[in-house]
Amino acid sequence: MLRTRKATAFAAGVSGSGFWAGQTLGRAALGFVTERYGERICITIYLAFAVAMQLIFWLVPSFMASAIAVVFLGVFLGPMFPGAITVTAKLLPKHIHRLHGFAFPESRDNLVYIRW
C-alpha cells in the first residue's frame, strides 16, 4: 500500500486493520447466513467473492478501491475457517472427530510458530 498505492503510513495501517475488522464482521454477520443456507453453498459463494476482491486489489491501482477490497476480502474470508471445520466434521467418520478437533487448531497455531 505504501509503495504501489502511494498511501501514507497511517492509511496503510488502517487498511490492514480494516482486513481484521472485516474478518470479525464476517464471522459475526455471515455466520447466520451460512447456518441458514448451508455451509457448502455459502463457502463456495464466499470464496468466489474473496477471489473477486483479491482481483480488484491487484488490478485497480487506486488506494481507496484497494482499501475497500481488503476490508471486503476480510469479510468474505472470515467465515471460511469455521465453515470448513463444520463441513469437514460432517464428512469425516465419527471415530476421527476427536483427532479432527485437535488437528485444526494445531495447524493454525503451527503456522504462527513456523514463521519464527
C-alpha atoms as a PDB file:
ATOM      1  CA  MET A   1       0.000   0.000   0.000  1.00  0.00           C
ATOM      2  CA  LEU A   2       2.870   2.350   0.765  1.00  0.00           C
ATOM      3  CA  ARG A   3       4.921   1.858  -2.398  1.00  0.00           C
ATOM      4  CA  THR A   4       2.439   0.738  -5.023  1.00  0.00           C
ATOM      5  CA  ARG A   5      -0.656   2.697  -3.983  1.00  0.00           C
ATOM      6  CA  LYS A   6       1.268   5.733  -2.630  1.00  0.00           C
ATOM      7  CA  ALA A   7      -0.609   5.648   0.677  1.00  0.00           C
ATOM      8  CA  THR A   8       0.548   7.285   3.874  1.00  0.00           C
ATOM      9  CA  ALA A   9       1.798   5.049   6.663  1.00  0.00           C
ATOM     10  CA  PHE A  10      -1.330   5.757   8.695  1.00  0.00           C
ATOM     11  CA  ALA A  11      -3.682   4.948   5.798  1.00  0.00           C
ATOM     12  CA  ALA A  12      -1.811   1.715   5.058  1.00  0.00           C
ATOM     13  CA  GLY A  13      -2.090   0.724   8.722  1.00  0.00           C
ATOM     14  CA  VAL A  14      -5.787   1.496   8.785  1.00  0.00           C
ATOM     15  CA  SER A  15      -6.365  -0.643   5.693  1.00  0.00           C
ATOM     16  CA  GLY A  16      -4.581  -3.565   7.385  1.00  0.00           C
ATOM     17  CA  SER A  17      -6.744  -3.107  10.459  1.00  0.00           C
ATOM     18  CA  GLY A  18      -9.753  -2.978   8.153  1.00  0.00           C
ATOM     19  CA  PHE A  19      -8.954  -6.500   6.993  1.00  0.00           C
ATOM     20  CA  TRP A  20      -9.110  -7.842  10.559  1.00  0.00           C
ATOM     21  CA  ALA A  21     -12.227  -5.811  11.332  1.00  0.00           C
ATOM     22  CA  GLY A  22     -13.765  -7.281   8.184  1.00  0.00           C
ATOM     23  CA  GLN A  23     -12.925 -10.786   9.349  1.00  0.00           C
ATOM     24  CA  THR A  24     -14.583 -10.102  12.681  1.00  0.00           C
ATOM     25  CA  LEU A  25     -17.652  -8.661  10.994  1.00  0.00           C
ATOM     26  CA  GLY A  26     -17.781 -11.540   8.508  1.00  0.00           C
ATOM     27  CA  ARG A  27     -17.670 -14.182  11.225  1.00  0.00           C
ATOM     28  CA  ALA A  28     -20.354 -12.419  13.224  1.00  0.00           C
ATOM     29  CA  ALA A  29     -22.728 -11.481  10.405  1.00  0.00           C
ATOM     30  CA  LEU A  30     -22.223 -14.167   7.774  1.00  0.00           C
ATOM     31  CA  GLY A  31     -22.375 -16.972  10.322  1.00  0.00           C
ATOM     32  CA  PHE A  32     -26.148 -16.572  10.435  1.00  0.00           C
ATOM     33  CA  VAL A  33     -26.352 -16.602   6.637  1.00  0.00           C
ATOM     34  CA  THR A  34     -24.165 -19.703   6.473  1.00  0.00           C
ATOM     35  CA  GLU A  35     -26.313 -21.512   9.013  1.00  0.00           C
ATOM     36  CA  ARG A  36     -29.491 -20.693   7.128  1.00  0.00           C
ATOM     37  CA  TYR A  37     -28.387 -21.640   3.596  1.00  0.00           C
ATOM     38  CA  GLY A  38     -25.807 -24.345   4.296  1.00  0.00           C
ATOM     39  CA  GLU A  39     -22.052 -24.399   4.613  1.00  0.00           C
ATOM     40  CA  ARG A  40     -21.138 -25.830   1.232  1.00  0.00           C
ATOM     41  CA  ILE A  41     -23.023 -23.343  -0.924  1.00  0.00           C
ATOM     42  CA  CYS A  42     -22.126 -20.369   1.254  1.00  0.00           C
ATOM     43  CA  ILE A  43     -18.426 -21.231   1.381  1.00  0.00           C
ATOM     44  CA  THR A  44     -18.418 -21.530  -2.412  1.00  0.00           C
ATOM     45  CA  ILE A  45     -20.053 -18.106  -2.730  1.00  0.00           C
ATOM     46  CA  TYR A  46     -17.724 -16.545  -0.147  1.00  0.00           C
ATOM     47  CA  LEU A  47     -14.719 -17.987  -1.964  1.00  0.00           C
ATOM     48  CA  ALA A  48     -15.896 -16.515  -5.279  1.00  0.00           C
ATOM     49  CA  PHE A  49     -16.367 -13.094  -3.675  1.00  0.00           C
ATOM     50  CA  ALA A  50     -12.967 -13.340  -1.951  1.00  0.00           C
ATOM     51  CA  VAL A  51     -11.281 -14.081  -5.284  1.00  0.00           C
ATOM     52  CA  ALA A  52     -13.124 -11.126  -6.843  1.00  0.00           C
ATOM     53  CA  MET A  53     -11.953  -8.816  -4.035  1.00  0.00           C
ATOM     54  CA  GLN A  54      -8.388 -10.055  -4.465  1.00  0.00           C
ATOM     55  CA  LEU A  55      -8.557  -9.358  -8.204  1.00  0.00           C
ATOM     56  CA  ILE A  56      -9.850  -5.852  -7.536  1.00  0.00           C
ATOM     57  CA  PHE A  57      -6.979  -5.310  -5.121  1.00  0.00           C
ATOM     58  CA  TRP A  58      -4.429  -6.479  -7.691  1.00  0.00           C
ATOM     59  CA  LEU A  59      -5.832  -4.816 -10.800  1.00  0.00           C
ATOM     60  CA  VAL A  60      -7.200  -1.455  -9.636  1.00  0.00           C
ATOM     61  CA  PRO A  61      -4.333   0.940  -8.831  1.00  0.00           C
ATOM     62  CA  SER A  62      -6.425   3.231  -6.600  1.00  0.00           C
ATOM     63  CA  PHE A  63      -5.663   3.208  -2.873  1.00  0.00           C
ATOM     64  CA  MET A  64      -9.296   3.713  -1.881  1.00  0.00           C
ATOM     65  CA  ALA A  65     -10.518   0.842  -4.078  1.00  0.00           C
ATOM     66  CA  SER A  66      -7.752  -1.378  -2.713  1.00  0.00           C
ATOM     67  CA  ALA A  67      -8.555  -0.498   0.898  1.00  0.00           C
ATOM     68  CA  ILE A  68     -12.254  -1.252   0.387  1.00  0.00           C
ATOM     69  CA  ALA A  69     -11.388  -4.515  -1.388  1.00  0.00           C
ATOM     70  CA  VAL A  70      -9.144  -5.516   1.539  1.00  0.00           C
ATOM     71  CA  VAL A  71     -11.964  -4.910   4.023  1.00  0.00           C
ATOM     72  CA  PHE A  72     -14.426  -6.974   1.985  1.00  0.00           C
ATOM     73  CA  LEU A  73     -11.785  -9.653   1.474  1.00  0.00           C
ATOM     74  CA  GLY A  74     -11.670  -9.943   5.257  1.00  0.00           C
ATOM     75  CA  VAL A  75     -15.472 -10.083   5.423  1.00  0.00           C
ATOM     76  CA  PHE A  76     -15.662 -12.997   2.991  1.00  0.00           C
ATOM     77  CA  LEU A  77     -12.676 -14.867   4.431  1.00  0.00           C
ATOM     78  CA  GLY A  78     -13.994 -14.541   7.997  1.00  0.00           C
ATOM     79  CA  PRO A  79     -16.497 -17.419   7.973  1.00  0.00           C
ATOM     80  CA  MET A  80     -14.328 -19.692   5.812  1.00  0.00           C
ATOM     81  CA  PHE A  81     -12.315 -21.402   8.598  1.00  0.00           C
ATOM     82  CA  PRO A  82     -15.291 -22.163  10.889  1.00  0.00           C
ATOM     83  CA  GLY A  83     -17.301 -23.278   7.864  1.00  0.00           C
ATOM     84  CA  ALA A  84     -14.503 -25.565   6.703  1.00  0.00           C
ATOM     85  CA  ILE A  85     -14.318 -27.145  10.148  1.00  0.00           C
ATOM     86  CA  THR A  86     -18.068 -27.792  10.102  1.00  0.00           C
ATOM     87  CA  VAL A  87     -18.042 -29.282   6.597  1.00  0.00           C
ATOM     88  CA  THR A  88     -15.037 -31.464   7.394  1.00  0.00           C
ATOM     89  CA  ALA A  89     -16.673 -32.720  10.592  1.00  0.00           C
ATOM     90  CA  LYS A  90     -19.739 -33.737   8.598  1.00  0.00           C
ATOM     91  CA  LEU A  91     -17.634 -35.574   6.008  1.00  0.00           C
ATOM     92  CA  LEU A  92     -15.332 -37.472   8.375  1.00  0.00           C
ATOM     93  CA  PRO A  93     -16.373 -40.638  10.215  1.00  0.00           C
ATOM     94  CA  LYS A  94     -17.362 -40.273  13.865  1.00  0.00           C
ATOM     95  CA  HIS A  95     -14.277 -42.037  15.244  1.00  0.00           C
ATOM     96  CA  ILE A  96     -11.998 -39.362  13.741  1.00  0.00           C
ATOM     97  CA  HIS A  97     -13.801 -36.357  15.260  1.00  0.00           C
ATOM     98  CA  ARG A  98     -11.583 -36.180  18.330  1.00  0.00           C
ATOM     99  CA  LEU A  99      -8.467 -36.058  16.144  1.00  0.00           C
ATOM    100  CA  HIS A 100     -10.189 -33.518  13.923  1.00  0.00           C
ATOM    101  CA  GLY A 101     -10.847 -31.268  16.903  1.00  0.00           C
ATOM    102  CA  PHE A 102      -7.171 -31.414  17.822  1.00  0.00           C
ATOM    103  CA  ALA A 103      -5.684 -31.122  14.317  1.00  0.00           C
ATOM    104  CA  PHE A 104      -7.384 -27.934  13.138  1.00  0.00           C
ATOM    105  CA  PRO A 105      -6.299 -25.662  15.995  1.00  0.00           C
ATOM    106  CA  GLU A 106      -2.820 -27.198  15.896  1.00  0.00           C
ATOM    107  CA  SER A 107      -2.474 -26.460  12.188  1.00  0.00           C
ATOM    108  CA  ARG A 108      -3.436 -22.842  12.774  1.00  0.00           C
ATOM    109  CA  ASP A 109      -1.093 -22.494  15.754  1.00  0.00           C
ATOM    110  CA  ASN A 110       1.839 -24.098  13.949  1.00  0.00           C
ATOM    111  CA  LEU A 111       1.599 -21.534  11.176  1.00  0.00           C
ATOM    112  CA  VAL A 112       2.365 -18.914  13.794  1.00  0.00           C
ATOM    113  CA  TYR A 113       5.399 -20.787  15.105  1.00  0.00           C
ATOM    114  CA  ILE A 114       6.844 -21.706  11.707  1.00  0.00           C
ATOM    115  CA  ARG A 115       7.357 -18.056  10.769  1.00  0.00           C
ATOM    116  CA  TRP A 116       9.607 -17.517  13.787  1.00  0.00           C
END
